[in-house]
PDB file of N, CA and C in Angstrom:
ATOM      1  N   MET A   1     109.024  96.808  72.561  1.00  0.00           N
ATOM      2  CA  MET A   1     107.787  96.647  73.228  1.00  0.00           C
ATOM      3  C   MET A   1     106.999  95.409  72.888  1.00  0.00           C
ATOM      4  N   SER A   2     107.471  94.690  71.902  1.00  0.00           N
ATOM      5  CA  SER A   2     106.756  93.460  71.533  1.00  0.00           C
ATOM      6  C   SER A   2     106.804  92.411  72.668  1.00  0.00           C
ATOM      7  N   SER A   3     107.840  92.495  73.512  1.00  0.00           N
ATOM      8  CA  SER A   3     107.910  91.569  74.641  1.00  0.00           C
ATOM      9  C   SER A   3     106.844  91.838  75.652  1.00  0.00           C
ATOM     10  N   ASP A   4     106.237  93.028  75.717  1.00  0.00           N
ATOM     11  CA  ASP A   4     105.256  93.371  76.675  1.00  0.00           C
ATOM     12  C   ASP A   4     103.968  92.650  76.438  1.00  0.00           C
ATOM     13  N   ARG A   5     103.651  92.322  75.293  1.00  0.00           N
ATOM     14  CA  ARG A   5     102.394  91.648  74.962  1.00  0.00           C
ATOM     15  C   ARG A   5     102.254  90.251  75.511  1.00  0.00           C
ATOM     16  N   ASN A   6     103.380  89.614  75.754  1.00  0.00           N
ATOM     17  CA  ASN A   6     103.391  88.236  76.267  1.00  0.00           C
ATOM     18  C   ASN A   6     103.345  88.220  77.751  1.00  0.00           C
ATOM     19  N   GLN A   7     103.572  89.342  78.453  1.00  0.00           N
ATOM     20  CA  GLN A   7     103.622  89.412  79.875  1.00  0.00           C
ATOM     21  C   GLN A   7     102.229  89.497  80.470  1.00  0.00           C
ATOM     22  N   PRO A   8     102.058  88.994  81.693  1.00  0.00           N
ATOM     23  CA  PRO A   8     100.772  89.262  82.372  1.00  0.00           C
ATOM     24  C   PRO A   8     100.637  90.727  82.627  1.00  0.00           C
ATOM     25  N   ARG A   9      99.418  91.167  82.851  1.00  0.00           N
ATOM     26  CA  ARG A   9      99.091  92.590  82.934  1.00  0.00           C
ATOM     27  C   ARG A   9      99.805  93.299  84.077  1.00  0.00           C
ATOM     28  N   TRP A  10     100.052  92.683  85.133  1.00  0.00           N
ATOM     29  CA  TRP A  10     100.556  93.345  86.343  1.00  0.00           C
ATOM     30  C   TRP A  10     102.075  93.162  86.494  1.00  0.00           C
ATOM     31  N   ILE A  11     102.742  92.602  85.521  1.00  0.00           N
ATOM     32  CA  ILE A  11     104.142  92.467  85.523  1.00  0.00           C
ATOM     33  C   ILE A  11     104.753  93.526  84.636  1.00  0.00           C
ATOM     34  N   PHE A  12     105.525  94.431  85.207  1.00  0.00           N
ATOM     35  CA  PHE A  12     106.040  95.601  84.456  1.00  0.00           C
ATOM     36  C   PHE A  12     107.491  95.474  84.144  1.00  0.00           C
ATOM     37  N   ILE A  13     108.168  94.539  84.682  1.00  0.00           N
ATOM     38  CA  ILE A  13     109.657  94.480  84.468  1.00  0.00           C
ATOM     39  C   ILE A  13     109.885  93.590  83.186  1.00  0.00           C
ATOM     40  N   ASP A  14     110.809  94.080  82.430  1.00  0.00           N
ATOM     41  CA  ASP A  14     111.083  93.425  81.175  1.00  0.00           C
ATOM     42  C   ASP A  14     111.605  92.037  81.373  1.00  0.00           C
ATOM     43  N   PRO A  15     111.248  91.059  80.601  1.00  0.00           N
ATOM     44  CA  PRO A  15     111.739  89.658  80.784  1.00  0.00           C
ATOM     45  C   PRO A  15     113.284  89.576  80.651  1.00  0.00           C
ATOM     46  N   ALA A  16     113.886  90.499  80.003  1.00  0.00           N
ATOM     47  CA  ALA A  16     115.378  90.540  79.869  1.00  0.00           C
ATOM     48  C   ALA A  16     116.047  90.741  81.245  1.00  0.00           C
ATOM     49  N   TYR A  17     115.360  91.251  82.220  1.00  0.00           N
ATOM     50  CA  TYR A  17     115.891  91.522  83.554  1.00  0.00           C
ATOM     51  C   TYR A  17     115.392  90.488  84.529  1.00  0.00           C
ATOM     52  N   VAL A  18     115.173  89.286  84.102  1.00  0.00           N
ATOM     53  CA  VAL A  18     114.583  88.306  85.079  1.00  0.00           C
ATOM     54  C   VAL A  18     115.575  87.924  86.209  1.00  0.00           C
ATOM     55  N   ALA A  19     116.884  88.141  85.956  1.00  0.00           N
ATOM     56  CA  ALA A  19     117.856  87.783  86.937  1.00  0.00           C
ATOM     57  C   ALA A  19     118.057  88.826  88.016  1.00  0.00           C
ATOM     58  N   SER A  20     117.319  89.901  87.930  1.00  0.00           N
ATOM     59  CA  SER A  20     117.438  90.919  89.005  1.00  0.00           C
ATOM     60  C   SER A  20     116.836  90.459  90.231  1.00  0.00           C
ATOM     61  N   PRO A  21     117.267  91.063  91.419  1.00  0.00           N
ATOM     62  CA  PRO A  21     116.725  90.654  92.713  1.00  0.00           C
ATOM     63  C   PRO A  21     115.167  90.781  92.818  1.00  0.00           C
ATOM     64  N   GLN A  22     114.583  89.966  93.608  1.00  0.00           N
ATOM     65  CA  GLN A  22     113.107  89.940  93.757  1.00  0.00           C
ATOM     66  C   GLN A  22     112.581  91.238  94.214  1.00  0.00           C
ATOM     67  N   ILE A  23     113.317  91.888  95.112  1.00  0.00           N
ATOM     68  CA  ILE A  23     112.901  93.199  95.736  1.00  0.00           C
ATOM     69  C   ILE A  23     112.698  94.246  94.653  1.00  0.00           C
ATOM     70  N   ILE A  24     113.557  94.185  93.622  1.00  0.00           N
ATOM     71  CA  ILE A  24     113.475  95.183  92.538  1.00  0.00           C
ATOM     72  C   ILE A  24     112.214  94.850  91.676  1.00  0.00           C
ATOM     73  N   HIS A  25     111.863  93.594  91.528  1.00  0.00           N
ATOM     74  CA  HIS A  25     110.640  93.224  90.834  1.00  0.00           C
ATOM     75  C   HIS A  25     109.431  93.747  91.602  1.00  0.00           C
ATOM     76  N   TRP A  26     109.438  93.598  92.933  1.00  0.00           N
ATOM     77  CA  TRP A  26     108.329  94.073  93.739  1.00  0.00           C
ATOM     78  C   TRP A  26     108.213  95.588  93.648  1.00  0.00           C
ATOM     79  N   VAL A  27     109.258  96.330  93.729  1.00  0.00           N
ATOM     80  CA  VAL A  27     109.232  97.729  93.700  1.00  0.00           C
ATOM     81  C   VAL A  27     108.754  98.223  92.393  1.00  0.00           C
ATOM     82  N   VAL A  28     109.295  97.700  91.308  1.00  0.00           N
ATOM     83  CA  VAL A  28     108.931  98.193  89.964  1.00  0.00           C
ATOM     84  C   VAL A  28     107.465  97.804  89.655  1.00  0.00           C
ATOM     85  N   ASN A  29     107.012  96.617  90.027  1.00  0.00           N
ATOM     86  CA  ASN A  29     105.652  96.233  89.809  1.00  0.00           C
ATOM     87  C   ASN A  29     104.694  97.044  90.692  1.00  0.00           C
ATOM     88  N   THR A  30     105.038  97.340  91.940  1.00  0.00           N
ATOM     89  CA  THR A  30     104.184  98.200  92.781  1.00  0.00           C
ATOM     90  C   THR A  30     104.076  99.610  92.163  1.00  0.00           C
ATOM     91  N   LEU A  31     105.165 100.136  91.670  1.00  0.00           N
ATOM     92  CA  LEU A  31     105.079 101.489  91.077  1.00  0.00           C
ATOM     93  C   LEU A  31     104.182 101.437  89.816  1.00  0.00           C
ATOM     94  N   GLY A  32     104.251 100.398  89.029  1.00  0.00           N
ATOM     95  CA  GLY A  32     103.436 100.281  87.881  1.00  0.00           C
ATOM     96  C   GLY A  32     101.974 100.162  88.218  1.00  0.00           C
ATOM     97  N   VAL A  33     101.640  99.316  89.219  1.00  0.00           N
ATOM     98  CA  VAL A  33     100.230  99.183  89.595  1.00  0.00           C
ATOM     99  C   VAL A  33      99.726 100.475  90.118  1.00  0.00           C
ATOM    100  N   VAL A  34     100.463 101.148  90.996  1.00  0.00           N
ATOM    101  CA  VAL A  34     100.042 102.465  91.542  1.00  0.00           C
ATOM    102  C   VAL A  34      99.863 103.483  90.458  1.00  0.00           C
ATOM    103  N   SER A  35     100.709 103.431  89.460  1.00  0.00           N
ATOM    104  CA  SER A  35     100.544 104.383  88.307  1.00  0.00           C
ATOM    105  C   SER A  35      99.317 104.105  87.481  1.00  0.00           C
ATOM    106  N   LEU A  36      98.962 102.778  87.372  1.00  0.00           N
ATOM    107  CA  LEU A  36      97.716 102.469  86.665  1.00  0.00           C
ATOM    108  C   LEU A  36      96.462 102.815  87.480  1.00  0.00           C
ATOM    109  N   ALA A  37      96.562 102.717  88.797  1.00  0.00           N
ATOM    110  CA  ALA A  37      95.430 103.084  89.662  1.00  0.00           C
ATOM    111  C   ALA A  37      95.285 104.558  89.924  1.00  0.00           C
ATOM    112  N   GLY A  38      96.364 105.331  89.623  1.00  0.00           N
ATOM    113  CA  GLY A  38      96.303 106.794  89.874  1.00  0.00           C
ATOM    114  C   GLY A  38      95.165 107.476  89.270  1.00  0.00           C
ATOM    115  N   PRO A  39      94.941 107.335  87.952  1.00  0.00           N
ATOM    116  CA  PRO A  39      93.804 108.062  87.369  1.00  0.00           C
ATOM    117  C   PRO A  39      92.415 107.783  88.028  1.00  0.00           C
ATOM    118  N   TYR A  40      92.234 106.460  88.401  1.00  0.00           N
ATOM    119  CA  TYR A  40      90.954 106.089  89.002  1.00  0.00           C
ATOM    120  C   TYR A  40      90.821 106.733  90.419  1.00  0.00           C
ATOM    121  N   LEU A  41      91.942 106.755  91.144  1.00  0.00           N
ATOM    122  CA  LEU A  41      91.893 107.376  92.468  1.00  0.00           C
ATOM    123  C   LEU A  41      91.703 108.936  92.386  1.00  0.00           C
ATOM    124  N   THR A  42      92.224 109.550  91.384  1.00  0.00           N
ATOM    125  CA  THR A  42      91.990 110.991  91.327  1.00  0.00           C
ATOM    126  C   THR A  42      90.589 111.351  90.958  1.00  0.00           C
ATOM    127  N   ILE A  43      89.821 110.353  90.476  1.00  0.00           N
ATOM    128  CA  ILE A  43      88.450 110.542  90.195  1.00  0.00           C
ATOM    129  C   ILE A  43      87.562 110.226  91.411  1.00  0.00           C
ATOM    130  N   LEU A  44      87.904 109.140  92.095  1.00  0.00           N
ATOM    131  CA  LEU A  44      87.082 108.638  93.135  1.00  0.00           C
ATOM    132  C   LEU A  44      87.325 109.419  94.508  1.00  0.00           C
ATOM    133  N   ILE A  45      88.496 109.908  94.787  1.00  0.00           N
ATOM    134  CA  ILE A  45      88.680 110.678  95.952  1.00  0.00           C
ATOM    135  C   ILE A  45      87.891 111.963  96.066  1.00  0.00           C
ATOM    136  N   PRO A  46      87.960 112.815  95.027  1.00  0.00           N
ATOM    137  CA  PRO A  46      87.039 113.991  95.008  1.00  0.00           C
ATOM    138  C   PRO A  46      85.529 113.653  95.143  1.00  0.00           C
ATOM    139  N   TRP A  47      85.188 112.588  94.383  1.00  0.00           N
ATOM    140  CA  TRP A  47      83.732 112.185  94.490  1.00  0.00           C
ATOM    141  C   TRP A  47      83.312 111.797  95.926  1.00  0.00           C
ATOM    142  N   PHE A  48      84.261 111.013  96.598  1.00  0.00           N
ATOM    143  CA  PHE A  48      83.989 110.581  97.964  1.00  0.00           C
ATOM    144  C   PHE A  48      83.900 111.853  98.898  1.00  0.00           C
ATOM    145  N   ALA A  49      84.875 112.790  98.659  1.00  0.00           N
ATOM    146  CA  ALA A  49      84.932 114.037  99.459  1.00  0.00           C
ATOM    147  C   ALA A  49      83.642 114.832  99.249  1.00  0.00           C
ATOM    148  N   ALA A  50      83.133 114.907  98.048  1.00  0.00           N
ATOM    149  CA  ALA A  50      81.954 115.760  97.796  1.00  0.00           C
ATOM    150  C   ALA A  50      80.729 115.108  98.459  1.00  0.00           C
ATOM    151  N   VAL A  51      80.546 113.797  98.324  1.00  0.00           N
ATOM    152  CA  VAL A  51      79.413 113.112  98.880  1.00  0.00           C
ATOM    153  C   VAL A  51      79.492 113.154 100.431  1.00  0.00           C
ATOM    154  N   TRP A  52      80.664 112.854 100.929  1.00  0.00           N
ATOM    155  CA  TRP A  52      80.869 112.942 102.370  1.00  0.00           C
ATOM    156  C   TRP A  52      80.643 114.261 102.924  1.00  0.00           C
ATOM    157  N   GLY A  53      81.145 115.303 102.248  1.00  0.00           N
ATOM    158  CA  GLY A  53      81.013 116.658 102.662  1.00  0.00           C
ATOM    159  C   GLY A  53      79.541 117.127 102.707  1.00  0.00           C
ATOM    160  N   THR A  54      78.767 116.753 101.714  1.00  0.00           N
ATOM    161  CA  THR A  54      77.393 117.120 101.644  1.00  0.00           C
ATOM    162  C   THR A  54      76.546 116.414 102.783  1.00  0.00           C
ATOM    163  N   ASN A  55      76.967 115.154 103.071  1.00  0.00           N
ATOM    164  CA  ASN A  55      76.334 114.420 104.159  1.00  0.00           C
ATOM    165  C   ASN A  55      76.629 115.146 105.503  1.00  0.00           C
ATOM    166  N   GLN A  56      77.877 115.536 105.624  1.00  0.00           N
ATOM    167  CA  GLN A  56      78.227 116.236 106.883  1.00  0.00           C
ATOM    168  C   GLN A  56      77.516 117.583 106.998  1.00  0.00           C
ATOM    169  N   LEU A  57      77.310 118.300 105.942  1.00  0.00           N
ATOM    170  CA  LEU A  57      76.575 119.503 105.991  1.00  0.00           C
ATOM    171  C   LEU A  57      75.097 119.240 106.319  1.00  0.00           C
ATOM    172  N   GLN A  58      74.554 118.197 105.825  1.00  0.00           N
ATOM    173  CA  GLN A  58      73.162 117.838 106.167  1.00  0.00           C
ATOM    174  C   GLN A  58      73.026 117.550 107.652  1.00  0.00           C
ATOM    175  N   VAL A  59      74.030 116.809 108.207  1.00  0.00           N
ATOM    176  CA  VAL A  59      74.056 116.582 109.648  1.00  0.00           C
ATOM    177  C   VAL A  59      74.243 117.827 110.388  1.00  0.00           C
ATOM    178  N   PHE A  60      75.051 118.726 109.946  1.00  0.00           N
ATOM    179  CA  PHE A  60      75.330 119.970 110.658  1.00  0.00           C
ATOM    180  C   PHE A  60      74.045 120.886 110.710  1.00  0.00           C
ATOM    181  N   PHE A  61      73.297 120.918 109.582  1.00  0.00           N
ATOM    182  CA  PHE A  61      72.143 121.744 109.556  1.00  0.00           C
ATOM    183  C   PHE A  61      70.974 121.007 110.311  1.00  0.00           C
ATOM    184  N   GLY A  62      71.073 119.718 110.534  1.00  0.00           N
ATOM    185  CA  GLY A  62      70.126 119.030 111.381  1.00  0.00           C
ATOM    186  C   GLY A  62      68.616 119.127 110.876  1.00  0.00           C
ATOM    187  N   LEU A  63      67.813 119.566 111.733  1.00  0.00           N
ATOM    188  CA  LEU A  63      66.380 119.688 111.384  1.00  0.00           C
ATOM    189  C   LEU A  63      66.102 120.788 110.308  1.00  0.00           C
ATOM    190  N   ALA A  64      67.040 121.733 110.178  1.00  0.00           N
ATOM    191  CA  ALA A  64      66.833 122.767 109.233  1.00  0.00           C
ATOM    192  C   ALA A  64      67.227 122.257 107.810  1.00  0.00           C
ATOM    193  N   ALA A  65      67.688 120.951 107.693  1.00  0.00           N
ATOM    194  CA  ALA A  65      68.098 120.405 106.436  1.00  0.00           C
ATOM    195  C   ALA A  65      66.898 119.969 105.595  1.00  0.00           C
ATOM    196  N   TYR A  66      65.749 120.525 105.767  1.00  0.00           N
ATOM    197  CA  TYR A  66      64.660 120.111 104.948  1.00  0.00           C
ATOM    198  C   TYR A  66      64.404 121.184 103.873  1.00  0.00           C
ATOM    199  N   GLY A  67      63.713 120.852 102.836  1.00  0.00           N
ATOM    200  CA  GLY A  67      63.325 121.836 101.787  1.00  0.00           C
ATOM    201  C   GLY A  67      64.525 122.124 100.935  1.00  0.00           C
ATOM    202  N   THR A  68      64.830 123.416 100.792  1.00  0.00           N
ATOM    203  CA  THR A  68      65.816 123.903  99.813  1.00  0.00           C
ATOM    204  C   THR A  68      67.238 123.330 100.097  1.00  0.00           C
ATOM    205  N   ILE A  69      67.633 123.381 101.384  1.00  0.00           N
ATOM    206  CA  ILE A  69      68.997 122.845 101.709  1.00  0.00           C
ATOM    207  C   ILE A  69      69.131 121.367 101.421  1.00  0.00           C
ATOM    208  N   SER A  70      68.150 120.621 101.834  1.00  0.00           N
ATOM    209  CA  SER A  70      68.142 119.125 101.566  1.00  0.00           C
ATOM    210  C   SER A  70      68.213 118.862 100.046  1.00  0.00           C
ATOM    211  N   THR A  71      67.378 119.582  99.301  1.00  0.00           N
ATOM    212  CA  THR A  71      67.396 119.447  97.797  1.00  0.00           C
ATOM    213  C   THR A  71      68.687 119.799  97.187  1.00  0.00           C
ATOM    214  N   LEU A  72      69.307 120.897  97.644  1.00  0.00           N
ATOM    215  CA  LEU A  72      70.642 121.317  97.161  1.00  0.00           C
ATOM    216  C   LEU A  72      71.670 120.266  97.417  1.00  0.00           C
ATOM    217  N   MET A  73      71.679 119.728  98.679  1.00  0.00           N
ATOM    218  CA  MET A  73      72.670 118.716  99.067  1.00  0.00           C
ATOM    219  C   MET A  73      72.456 117.406  98.223  1.00  0.00           C
ATOM    220  N   SER A  74      71.264 117.064  97.944  1.00  0.00           N
ATOM    221  CA  SER A  74      70.929 115.895  97.136  1.00  0.00           C
ATOM    222  C   SER A  74      71.364 116.093  95.726  1.00  0.00           C
ATOM    223  N   MET A  75      71.175 117.276  95.243  1.00  0.00           N
ATOM    224  CA  MET A  75      71.572 117.556  93.809  1.00  0.00           C
ATOM    225  C   MET A  75      73.149 117.522  93.690  1.00  0.00           C
ATOM    226  N   ILE A  76      73.870 118.015  94.728  1.00  0.00           N
ATOM    227  CA  ILE A  76      75.275 117.975  94.714  1.00  0.00           C
ATOM    228  C   ILE A  76      75.754 116.505  94.704  1.00  0.00           C
ATOM    229  N   LYS A  77      75.157 115.688  95.525  1.00  0.00           N
ATOM    230  CA  LYS A  77      75.556 114.265  95.580  1.00  0.00           C
ATOM    231  C   LYS A  77      75.243 113.610  94.326  1.00  0.00           C
ATOM    232  N   ILE A  78      74.129 113.767  93.736  1.00  0.00           N
ATOM    233  CA  ILE A  78      73.728 113.183  92.408  1.00  0.00           C
ATOM    234  C   ILE A  78      74.585 113.686  91.338  1.00  0.00           C
ATOM    235  N   GLY A  79      74.921 114.904  91.225  1.00  0.00           N
ATOM    236  CA  GLY A  79      75.797 115.501  90.273  1.00  0.00           C
ATOM    237  C   GLY A  79      77.200 114.927  90.308  1.00  0.00           C
ATOM    238  N   ALA A  80      77.657 114.855  91.519  1.00  0.00           N
ATOM    239  CA  ALA A  80      79.046 114.298  91.713  1.00  0.00           C
ATOM    240  C   ALA A  80      79.099 112.929  91.360  1.00  0.00           C
ATOM    241  N   THR A  81      78.089 112.108  91.670  1.00  0.00           N
ATOM    242  CA  THR A  81      78.061 110.685  91.314  1.00  0.00           C
ATOM    243  C   THR A  81      78.024 110.505  89.829  1.00  0.00           C
ATOM    244  N   ILE A  82      77.153 111.250  89.166  1.00  0.00           N
ATOM    245  CA  ILE A  82      77.005 111.109  87.659  1.00  0.00           C
ATOM    246  C   ILE A  82      78.265 111.508  86.981  1.00  0.00           C
ATOM    247  N   LEU A  83      78.883 112.616  87.421  1.00  0.00           N
ATOM    248  CA  LEU A  83      80.142 113.094  86.791  1.00  0.00           C
ATOM    249  C   LEU A  83      81.230 112.054  87.029  1.00  0.00           C
ATOM    250  N   SER A  84      81.339 111.426  88.261  1.00  0.00           N
ATOM    251  CA  SER A  84      82.391 110.518  88.512  1.00  0.00           C
ATOM    252  C   SER A  84      82.242 109.246  87.693  1.00  0.00           C
ATOM    253  N   ILE A  85      80.968 108.848  87.531  1.00  0.00           N
ATOM    254  CA  ILE A  85      80.763 107.609  86.771  1.00  0.00           C
ATOM    255  C   ILE A  85      81.152 107.860  85.308  1.00  0.00           C
ATOM    256  N   GLU A  86      80.803 109.032  84.754  1.00  0.00           N
ATOM    257  CA  GLU A  86      81.226 109.352  83.379  1.00  0.00           C
ATOM    258  C   GLU A  86      82.722 109.434  83.213  1.00  0.00           C
ATOM    259  N   MET A  87      83.378 110.008  84.261  1.00  0.00           N
ATOM    260  CA  MET A  87      84.828 110.139  84.179  1.00  0.00           C
ATOM    261  C   MET A  87      85.544 108.759  84.319  1.00  0.00           C
ATOM    262  N   LEU A  88      84.968 107.901  85.187  1.00  0.00           N
ATOM    263  CA  LEU A  88      85.424 106.551  85.240  1.00  0.00           C
ATOM    264  C   LEU A  88      85.265 105.741  83.930  1.00  0.00           C
ATOM    265  N   PHE A  89      84.138 105.936  83.321  1.00  0.00           N
ATOM    266  CA  PHE A  89      83.889 105.281  82.041  1.00  0.00           C
ATOM    267  C   PHE A  89      84.918 105.711  81.003  1.00  0.00           C
ATOM    268  N   THR A  90      85.192 106.938  80.923  1.00  0.00           N
ATOM    269  CA  THR A  90      86.155 107.511  80.001  1.00  0.00           C
ATOM    270  C   THR A  90      87.533 106.990  80.267  1.00  0.00           C
ATOM    271  N   THR A  91      87.888 107.075  81.501  1.00  0.00           N
ATOM    272  CA  THR A  91      89.204 106.574  81.986  1.00  0.00           C
ATOM    273  C   THR A  91      89.445 105.078  81.691  1.00  0.00           C
ATOM    274  N   TYR A  92      88.324 104.302  81.930  1.00  0.00           N
ATOM    275  CA  TYR A  92      88.390 102.846  81.681  1.00  0.00           C
ATOM    276  C   TYR A  92      88.657 102.635  80.133  1.00  0.00           C
ATOM    277  N   HIS A  93      88.124 103.402  79.265  1.00  0.00           N
ATOM    278  CA  HIS A  93      88.293 103.205  77.879  1.00  0.00           C
ATOM    279  C   HIS A  93      89.665 103.668  77.375  1.00  0.00           C
ATOM    280  N   MET A  94      90.382 104.441  78.175  1.00  0.00           N
ATOM    281  CA  MET A  94      91.716 104.895  77.825  1.00  0.00           C
ATOM    282  C   MET A  94      92.774 104.066  78.494  1.00  0.00           C
ATOM    283  N   ARG A  95      92.462 103.041  79.216  1.00  0.00           N
ATOM    284  CA  ARG A  95      93.353 102.236  80.047  1.00  0.00           C
ATOM    285  C   ARG A  95      94.467 101.610  79.279  1.00  0.00           C
ATOM    286  N   GLN A  96      94.190 101.186  78.067  1.00  0.00           N
ATOM    287  CA  GLN A  96      95.192 100.490  77.281  1.00  0.00           C
ATOM    288  C   GLN A  96      96.313 101.460  76.880  1.00  0.00           C
ATOM    289  N   GLU A  97      95.870 102.656  76.433  1.00  0.00           N
ATOM    290  CA  GLU A  97      96.860 103.712  76.107  1.00  0.00           C
ATOM    291  C   GLU A  97      97.688 104.077  77.331  1.00  0.00           C
ATOM    292  N   TRP A  98      97.005 104.237  78.480  1.00  0.00           N
ATOM    293  CA  TRP A  98      97.709 104.612  79.676  1.00  0.00           C
ATOM    294  C   TRP A  98      98.686 103.513  80.164  1.00  0.00           C
ATOM    295  N   GLU A  99      98.246 102.278  79.980  1.00  0.00           N
ATOM    296  CA  GLU A  99      99.159 101.145  80.375  1.00  0.00           C
ATOM    297  C   GLU A  99     100.386 101.086  79.513  1.00  0.00           C
ATOM    298  N   GLU A 100     100.271 101.365  78.191  1.00  0.00           N
ATOM    299  CA  GLU A 100     101.448 101.461  77.281  1.00  0.00           C
ATOM    300  C   GLU A 100     102.354 102.537  77.702  1.00  0.00           C
ATOM    301  N   VAL A 101     101.825 103.695  78.125  1.00  0.00           N
ATOM    302  CA  VAL A 101     102.702 104.831  78.465  1.00  0.00           C
ATOM    303  C   VAL A 101     103.382 104.464  79.815  1.00  0.00           C
ATOM    304  N   VAL A 102     102.676 103.837  80.747  1.00  0.00           N
ATOM    305  CA  VAL A 102     103.296 103.476  82.008  1.00  0.00           C
ATOM    306  C   VAL A 102     104.412 102.458  81.771  1.00  0.00           C
ATOM    307  N   ARG A 103     104.188 101.439  80.958  1.00  0.00           N
ATOM    308  CA  ARG A 103     105.174 100.487  80.710  1.00  0.00           C
ATOM    309  C   ARG A 103     106.429 101.116  79.974  1.00  0.00           C
ATOM    310  N   ARG A 104     106.160 101.984  79.046  1.00  0.00           N
ATOM    311  CA  ARG A 104     107.316 102.643  78.339  1.00  0.00           C
ATOM    312  C   ARG A 104     108.119 103.459  79.353  1.00  0.00           C
ATOM    313  N   ILE A 105     107.510 104.189  80.229  1.00  0.00           N
ATOM    314  CA  ILE A 105     108.225 105.040  81.202  1.00  0.00           C
ATOM    315  C   ILE A 105     109.009 104.111  82.175  1.00  0.00           C
ATOM    316  N   ILE A 106     108.443 103.019  82.626  1.00  0.00           N
ATOM    317  CA  ILE A 106     109.182 102.111  83.550  1.00  0.00           C
ATOM    318  C   ILE A 106     110.300 101.520  82.817  1.00  0.00           C
ATOM    319  N   HIS A 107     110.128 101.051  81.543  1.00  0.00           N
ATOM    320  CA  HIS A 107     111.247 100.425  80.848  1.00  0.00           C
ATOM    321  C   HIS A 107     112.357 101.389  80.600  1.00  0.00           C
ATOM    322  N   GLU A 108     112.000 102.630  80.245  1.00  0.00           N
ATOM    323  CA  GLU A 108     113.072 103.573  79.998  1.00  0.00           C
ATOM    324  C   GLU A 108     113.811 104.049  81.263  1.00  0.00           C
ATOM    325  N   ALA A 109     113.036 104.158  82.382  1.00  0.00           N
ATOM    326  CA  ALA A 109     113.632 104.575  83.608  1.00  0.00           C
ATOM    327  C   ALA A 109     114.484 103.503  84.233  1.00  0.00           C
ATOM    328  N   CYS A 110     114.090 102.257  84.072  1.00  0.00           N
ATOM    329  CA  CYS A 110     114.790 101.194  84.719  1.00  0.00           C
ATOM    330  C   CYS A 110     115.904 100.598  83.838  1.00  0.00           C
ATOM    331  N   GLY A 111     115.951 101.023  82.560  1.00  0.00           N
ATOM    332  CA  GLY A 111     116.882 100.474  81.570  1.00  0.00           C
ATOM    333  C   GLY A 111     118.299 100.519  82.066  1.00  0.00           C
ATOM    334  N   GLU A 112     118.810 101.688  82.384  1.00  0.00           N
ATOM    335  CA  GLU A 112     120.202 101.817  82.821  1.00  0.00           C
ATOM    336  C   GLU A 112     120.463 101.181  84.175  1.00  0.00           C
ATOM    337  N   PHE A 113     119.541 101.268  85.120  1.00  0.00           N
ATOM    338  CA  PHE A 113     119.664 100.714  86.407  1.00  0.00           C
ATOM    339  C   PHE A 113     119.767  99.178  86.427  1.00  0.00           C
ATOM    340  N   LEU A 114     119.031  98.529  85.561  1.00  0.00           N
ATOM    341  CA  LEU A 114     118.994  97.107  85.507  1.00  0.00           C
ATOM    342  C   LEU A 114     119.944  96.454  84.492  1.00  0.00           C
ATOM    343  N   GLN A 115     120.813  97.194  83.882  1.00  0.00           N
ATOM    344  CA  GLN A 115     121.784  96.697  82.958  1.00  0.00           C
ATOM    345  C   GLN A 115     122.685  95.586  83.624  1.00  0.00           C
ATOM    346  N   ALA A 116     122.936  95.668  84.815  1.00  0.00           N
ATOM    347  CA  ALA A 116     123.810  94.659  85.457  1.00  0.00           C
ATOM    348  C   ALA A 116     123.262  93.269  85.397  1.00  0.00           C
ATOM    349  N   TRP A 117     121.875  93.184  85.397  1.00  0.00           N
ATOM    350  CA  TRP A 117     121.193  91.938  85.494  1.00  0.00           C
ATOM    351  C   TRP A 117     120.583  91.500  84.118  1.00  0.00           C
ATOM    352  N   ARG A 118     121.004  92.134  83.090  1.00  0.00           N
ATOM    353  CA  ARG A 118     120.491  91.787  81.736  1.00  0.00           C
ATOM    354  C   ARG A 118     121.000  90.440  81.324  1.00  0.00           C
ATOM    355  N   ARG A 119     120.139  89.571  80.722  1.00  0.00           N
ATOM    356  CA  ARG A 119     120.466  88.242  80.212  1.00  0.00           C
ATOM    357  C   ARG A 119     121.526  88.332  79.192  1.00  0.00           C
TER     358      ARG A 119
END
């Protein structure tokens, strides 16, 4: 794993496999980037759904969306936003650990497959 520290952040393929075809580099690096983005997407997609859903409910209720219903919908949106910001903050601080895990998984999974192109 010491060779990982010299690599740019978005390059997940081990330097020992530099001779492998470019398409393999693209696939492996794309899988790595998607794996790093996964935790953020699992936080942002439900937040977006909650805020969008409450907006749609306010539109559905129309003029009746004053008072209690409007307050309830605003509280749901504010709560979802605060919770998602806190979760994003926590996830951001765990990113180095997550990146190490993703790199280890990719290196172990690709080890046998890429042996033909090892330097």
